[in-house]
N, C-alpha and C. Protein backbone atom coordinates (compact mmCIF):
# COMPACT_ATOMS: atom_id res chain seq x y z
N UNK A 1 112.55 101.57 67.45
CA UNK A 1 112.57 101.14 68.84
C UNK A 1 112.40 102.37 69.75
N UNK A 2 111.53 102.25 70.71
CA UNK A 2 111.24 103.33 71.64
C UNK A 2 112.42 103.53 72.60
N UNK A 3 112.88 104.78 72.81
CA UNK A 3 113.98 104.99 73.75
C UNK A 3 113.56 104.64 75.17
N UNK A 4 114.47 104.08 75.89
CA UNK A 4 114.21 103.65 77.27
C UNK A 4 114.37 104.84 78.21
N UNK A 5 113.47 104.94 79.18
CA UNK A 5 113.54 105.99 80.18
C UNK A 5 114.56 105.63 81.25
N UNK A 6 115.06 106.65 81.90
CA UNK A 6 115.93 106.44 83.05
C UNK A 6 115.08 105.84 84.17
N UNK A 7 115.67 105.01 85.03
CA UNK A 7 114.88 104.40 86.11
C UNK A 7 114.29 105.42 87.08
N UNK A 8 114.98 106.55 87.22
CA UNK A 8 114.50 107.62 88.11
C UNK A 8 114.66 108.94 87.37
N UNK A 9 113.62 109.74 87.39
CA UNK A 9 113.65 111.07 86.76
C UNK A 9 114.11 112.07 87.82
N UNK A 10 115.40 112.39 87.78
CA UNK A 10 115.97 113.29 88.79
C UNK A 10 115.36 114.68 88.72
N UNK A 11 115.03 115.15 87.52
CA UNK A 11 114.38 116.47 87.41
C UNK A 11 113.03 116.46 88.12
N UNK A 12 112.26 115.39 87.93
CA UNK A 12 110.98 115.26 88.62
C UNK A 12 111.18 115.25 90.14
N UNK A 13 112.13 114.46 90.58
CA UNK A 13 112.42 114.37 92.02
C UNK A 13 112.79 115.73 92.59
N UNK A 14 113.63 116.47 91.88
CA UNK A 14 114.05 117.79 92.35
C UNK A 14 112.87 118.76 92.38
N UNK A 15 112.00 118.68 91.39
CA UNK A 15 110.78 119.51 91.41
C UNK A 15 109.92 119.15 92.61
N UNK A 16 109.78 117.85 92.88
CA UNK A 16 108.98 117.40 94.02
C UNK A 16 109.55 117.94 95.34
N UNK A 17 110.87 118.13 95.36
CA UNK A 17 111.55 118.64 96.56
C UNK A 17 111.64 120.17 96.54
N UNK A 18 110.85 120.80 95.71
CA UNK A 18 110.81 122.26 95.67
C UNK A 18 112.10 122.88 95.17
N UNK A 19 112.85 122.14 94.36
CA UNK A 19 114.11 122.64 93.83
C UNK A 19 115.28 122.49 94.78
N UNK A 20 115.05 121.91 95.93
CA UNK A 20 116.10 121.73 96.94
C UNK A 20 116.81 120.40 96.67
N UNK A 21 118.02 120.48 96.11
CA UNK A 21 118.72 119.25 95.73
C UNK A 21 119.14 118.42 96.94
N UNK A 22 119.41 119.07 98.07
CA UNK A 22 119.75 118.30 99.28
C UNK A 22 118.54 117.51 99.77
N UNK A 23 117.39 118.13 99.73
CA UNK A 23 116.16 117.42 100.12
C UNK A 23 115.87 116.29 99.14
N UNK A 24 116.08 116.54 97.86
CA UNK A 24 115.86 115.49 96.86
C UNK A 24 116.76 114.29 97.13
N UNK A 25 118.02 114.53 97.48
CA UNK A 25 118.94 113.44 97.79
C UNK A 25 118.49 112.69 99.04
N UNK A 26 117.99 113.41 100.03
CA UNK A 26 117.50 112.75 101.25
C UNK A 26 116.28 111.89 100.96
N UNK A 27 115.37 112.39 100.13
CA UNK A 27 114.19 111.61 99.74
C UNK A 27 114.64 110.34 99.01
N UNK A 28 115.63 110.47 98.15
CA UNK A 28 116.14 109.31 97.43
C UNK A 28 116.79 108.31 98.38
N UNK A 29 117.51 108.80 99.38
CA UNK A 29 118.09 107.90 100.39
C UNK A 29 116.99 107.16 101.15
N UNK A 30 115.95 107.89 101.54
CA UNK A 30 114.82 107.26 102.24
C UNK A 30 114.15 106.19 101.36
N UNK A 31 114.01 106.50 100.08
CA UNK A 31 113.46 105.53 99.14
C UNK A 31 114.31 104.25 99.16
N UNK A 32 115.62 104.42 99.08
CA UNK A 32 116.53 103.26 99.05
C UNK A 32 116.50 102.47 100.35
N UNK A 33 116.27 103.15 101.45
CA UNK A 33 116.21 102.48 102.74
C UNK A 33 114.88 101.75 102.93
N UNK A 34 113.80 102.36 102.51
CA UNK A 34 112.47 101.87 102.85
C UNK A 34 111.85 100.92 101.81
N UNK A 35 112.00 101.24 100.55
CA UNK A 35 111.26 100.51 99.52
C UNK A 35 111.65 99.03 99.42
N UNK A 36 112.92 98.67 99.55
CA UNK A 36 113.23 97.23 99.54
C UNK A 36 112.55 96.48 100.68
N UNK A 37 112.42 97.12 101.83
CA UNK A 37 111.71 96.51 102.96
C UNK A 37 110.23 96.35 102.62
N UNK A 38 109.66 97.38 101.98
CA UNK A 38 108.26 97.30 101.57
C UNK A 38 108.06 96.15 100.58
N UNK A 39 109.01 95.98 99.67
CA UNK A 39 108.89 94.90 98.69
C UNK A 39 108.93 93.53 99.37
N UNK A 40 109.82 93.38 100.33
CA UNK A 40 109.89 92.11 101.07
C UNK A 40 108.57 91.84 101.78
N UNK A 41 107.98 92.87 102.35
CA UNK A 41 106.69 92.72 103.01
C UNK A 41 105.61 92.38 101.99
N UNK A 42 105.68 93.00 100.81
CA UNK A 42 104.71 92.74 99.74
C UNK A 42 104.71 91.26 99.37
N UNK A 43 105.89 90.67 99.30
CA UNK A 43 105.99 89.25 98.94
C UNK A 43 105.38 88.34 100.01
N UNK A 44 105.31 88.82 101.23
CA UNK A 44 104.86 87.98 102.34
C UNK A 44 103.36 88.06 102.61
N UNK A 45 102.67 88.99 101.97
CA UNK A 45 101.25 89.18 102.27
C UNK A 45 100.41 88.94 101.02
N UNK A 46 99.10 88.83 101.23
CA UNK A 46 98.17 88.61 100.13
C UNK A 46 96.97 89.52 100.29
N UNK A 47 96.10 89.49 99.30
CA UNK A 47 94.83 90.19 99.36
C UNK A 47 94.95 91.68 99.60
N UNK A 48 94.11 92.18 100.50
CA UNK A 48 94.07 93.62 100.79
C UNK A 48 95.40 94.13 101.33
N UNK A 49 96.07 93.32 102.15
CA UNK A 49 97.38 93.73 102.68
C UNK A 49 98.38 93.94 101.54
N UNK A 50 98.34 93.07 100.54
CA UNK A 50 99.24 93.22 99.39
C UNK A 50 98.91 94.50 98.63
N UNK A 51 97.63 94.77 98.46
CA UNK A 51 97.22 96.01 97.78
C UNK A 51 97.74 97.24 98.52
N UNK A 52 97.64 97.24 99.84
CA UNK A 52 98.10 98.38 100.63
C UNK A 52 99.61 98.60 100.49
N UNK A 53 100.37 97.51 100.56
CA UNK A 53 101.83 97.64 100.44
C UNK A 53 102.20 98.06 99.02
N UNK A 54 101.54 97.50 98.04
CA UNK A 54 101.80 97.90 96.65
C UNK A 54 101.50 99.39 96.47
N UNK A 55 100.44 99.86 97.11
CA UNK A 55 100.08 101.28 97.04
C UNK A 55 101.20 102.15 97.62
N UNK A 56 101.79 101.72 98.70
CA UNK A 56 102.94 102.45 99.28
C UNK A 56 104.08 102.56 98.27
N UNK A 57 104.35 101.45 97.60
CA UNK A 57 105.43 101.44 96.62
C UNK A 57 105.10 102.35 95.44
N UNK A 58 103.85 102.33 95.01
CA UNK A 58 103.42 103.22 93.92
C UNK A 58 103.70 104.67 94.30
N UNK A 59 103.29 105.05 95.49
CA UNK A 59 103.49 106.43 95.94
C UNK A 59 104.95 106.81 96.03
N UNK A 60 105.75 105.92 96.58
CA UNK A 60 107.19 106.18 96.70
C UNK A 60 107.83 106.32 95.32
N UNK A 61 107.45 105.43 94.42
CA UNK A 61 108.01 105.45 93.07
C UNK A 61 107.61 106.72 92.33
N UNK A 62 106.36 107.09 92.43
CA UNK A 62 105.91 108.32 91.75
C UNK A 62 106.59 109.55 92.32
N UNK A 63 106.82 109.57 93.61
CA UNK A 63 107.45 110.73 94.24
C UNK A 63 108.86 110.98 93.72
N UNK A 64 109.57 109.92 93.38
CA UNK A 64 110.95 110.10 92.91
C UNK A 64 111.05 110.05 91.39
N UNK A 65 109.93 109.85 90.71
CA UNK A 65 109.96 109.79 89.25
C UNK A 65 110.40 108.45 88.70
N UNK A 66 110.11 107.38 89.42
CA UNK A 66 110.44 106.03 88.96
C UNK A 66 109.19 105.45 88.28
N UNK A 67 108.96 105.88 87.04
CA UNK A 67 107.72 105.56 86.33
C UNK A 67 107.53 104.06 86.12
N UNK A 68 108.58 103.37 85.73
CA UNK A 68 108.44 101.93 85.46
C UNK A 68 108.13 101.17 86.76
N UNK A 69 108.79 101.53 87.83
CA UNK A 69 108.52 100.90 89.12
C UNK A 69 107.08 101.18 89.54
N UNK A 70 106.63 102.42 89.38
CA UNK A 70 105.25 102.77 89.73
C UNK A 70 104.26 101.97 88.89
N UNK A 71 104.57 101.78 87.62
CA UNK A 71 103.70 101.02 86.72
C UNK A 71 103.51 99.58 87.23
N UNK A 72 104.62 98.91 87.53
CA UNK A 72 104.53 97.52 87.97
C UNK A 72 103.90 97.41 89.36
N UNK A 73 104.18 98.35 90.23
CA UNK A 73 103.57 98.32 91.55
C UNK A 73 102.06 98.56 91.45
N UNK A 74 101.65 99.45 90.56
CA UNK A 74 100.22 99.70 90.35
C UNK A 74 99.53 98.45 89.80
N UNK A 75 100.23 97.72 88.94
CA UNK A 75 99.66 96.47 88.41
C UNK A 75 99.45 95.46 89.54
N UNK A 76 100.40 95.36 90.45
CA UNK A 76 100.25 94.46 91.60
C UNK A 76 99.10 94.95 92.48
N UNK A 77 99.03 96.26 92.69
CA UNK A 77 97.95 96.82 93.50
C UNK A 77 96.59 96.49 92.91
N UNK A 78 96.50 96.46 91.58
CA UNK A 78 95.24 96.17 90.90
C UNK A 78 94.92 94.67 90.84
N UNK A 79 95.81 93.87 91.42
CA UNK A 79 95.53 92.43 91.47
C UNK A 79 96.45 91.60 90.62
N UNK A 80 97.34 92.24 89.89
CA UNK A 80 98.32 91.49 89.10
C UNK A 80 99.34 90.86 90.04
N UNK A 81 100.06 89.90 89.52
CA UNK A 81 101.00 89.19 90.39
C UNK A 81 102.39 89.09 89.78
N UNK A 82 102.75 90.04 88.91
CA UNK A 82 104.07 89.98 88.28
C UNK A 82 105.13 90.59 89.21
N UNK A 83 105.41 89.87 90.27
CA UNK A 83 106.40 90.35 91.24
C UNK A 83 107.80 90.35 90.66
N UNK A 84 108.07 89.50 89.69
CA UNK A 84 109.40 89.48 89.07
C UNK A 84 109.68 90.79 88.35
N UNK A 85 108.71 91.29 87.59
CA UNK A 85 108.89 92.57 86.89
C UNK A 85 109.02 93.71 87.88
N UNK A 86 108.23 93.67 88.94
CA UNK A 86 108.32 94.69 89.98
C UNK A 86 109.68 94.65 90.65
N UNK A 87 110.15 93.47 90.97
CA UNK A 87 111.46 93.33 91.61
C UNK A 87 112.59 93.83 90.69
N UNK A 88 112.49 93.53 89.41
CA UNK A 88 113.50 93.99 88.46
C UNK A 88 113.51 95.52 88.36
N UNK A 89 112.33 96.12 88.31
CA UNK A 89 112.24 97.57 88.24
C UNK A 89 112.77 98.21 89.52
N UNK A 90 112.50 97.59 90.65
CA UNK A 90 113.03 98.10 91.92
C UNK A 90 114.54 98.00 91.94
N UNK A 91 115.09 96.89 91.52
CA UNK A 91 116.55 96.72 91.50
C UNK A 91 117.20 97.76 90.60
N UNK A 92 116.58 98.02 89.46
CA UNK A 92 117.12 99.01 88.53
C UNK A 92 117.07 100.42 89.15
N UNK A 93 115.98 100.76 89.80
CA UNK A 93 115.86 102.07 90.45
C UNK A 93 116.87 102.20 91.59
N UNK A 94 117.03 101.14 92.38
CA UNK A 94 118.01 101.17 93.47
C UNK A 94 119.43 101.35 92.95
N UNK A 95 119.78 100.62 91.90
CA UNK A 95 121.12 100.72 91.33
C UNK A 95 121.38 102.14 90.82
N UNK A 96 120.39 102.70 90.13
CA UNK A 96 120.53 104.06 89.63
C UNK A 96 120.69 105.03 90.79
N UNK A 97 119.86 104.88 91.82
CA UNK A 97 119.92 105.77 92.99
C UNK A 97 121.27 105.68 93.69
N UNK A 98 121.78 104.48 93.82
CA UNK A 98 123.07 104.28 94.48
C UNK A 98 124.19 105.01 93.74
N UNK A 99 124.18 104.90 92.44
CA UNK A 99 125.19 105.59 91.63
C UNK A 99 125.01 107.10 91.74
N UNK A 100 123.78 107.55 91.66
CA UNK A 100 123.49 108.99 91.74
C UNK A 100 123.93 109.55 93.10
N UNK A 101 123.61 108.84 94.16
CA UNK A 101 123.94 109.33 95.51
C UNK A 101 125.44 109.29 95.78
N UNK A 102 126.15 108.42 95.11
CA UNK A 102 127.60 108.33 95.29
C UNK A 102 128.34 109.46 94.58
N UNK A 103 127.68 110.09 93.63
CA UNK A 103 128.34 111.16 92.85
C UNK A 103 128.43 112.45 93.63
């Protein structure tokens, strides 16, 4: 059985923030504030608008090292419609981020 990845790669996030852990935490807070809103908007739109919102989620997920979330968002961007898998990956990333930020 393949080992499961963490929902967010904190080392990746910290590298993206230039090694600044305070900036990494702020980026993670912004992700938690913004991405659920983006997902709600994604559910409400179709066609090109859905692709654009999915693209935003892909970028946000990649920036924080949320590979599974980025994968499902990219699938939606490409025309897939598995919003349940995307929503589950988002919930998992949010839960992980909440615990991480509380520490």
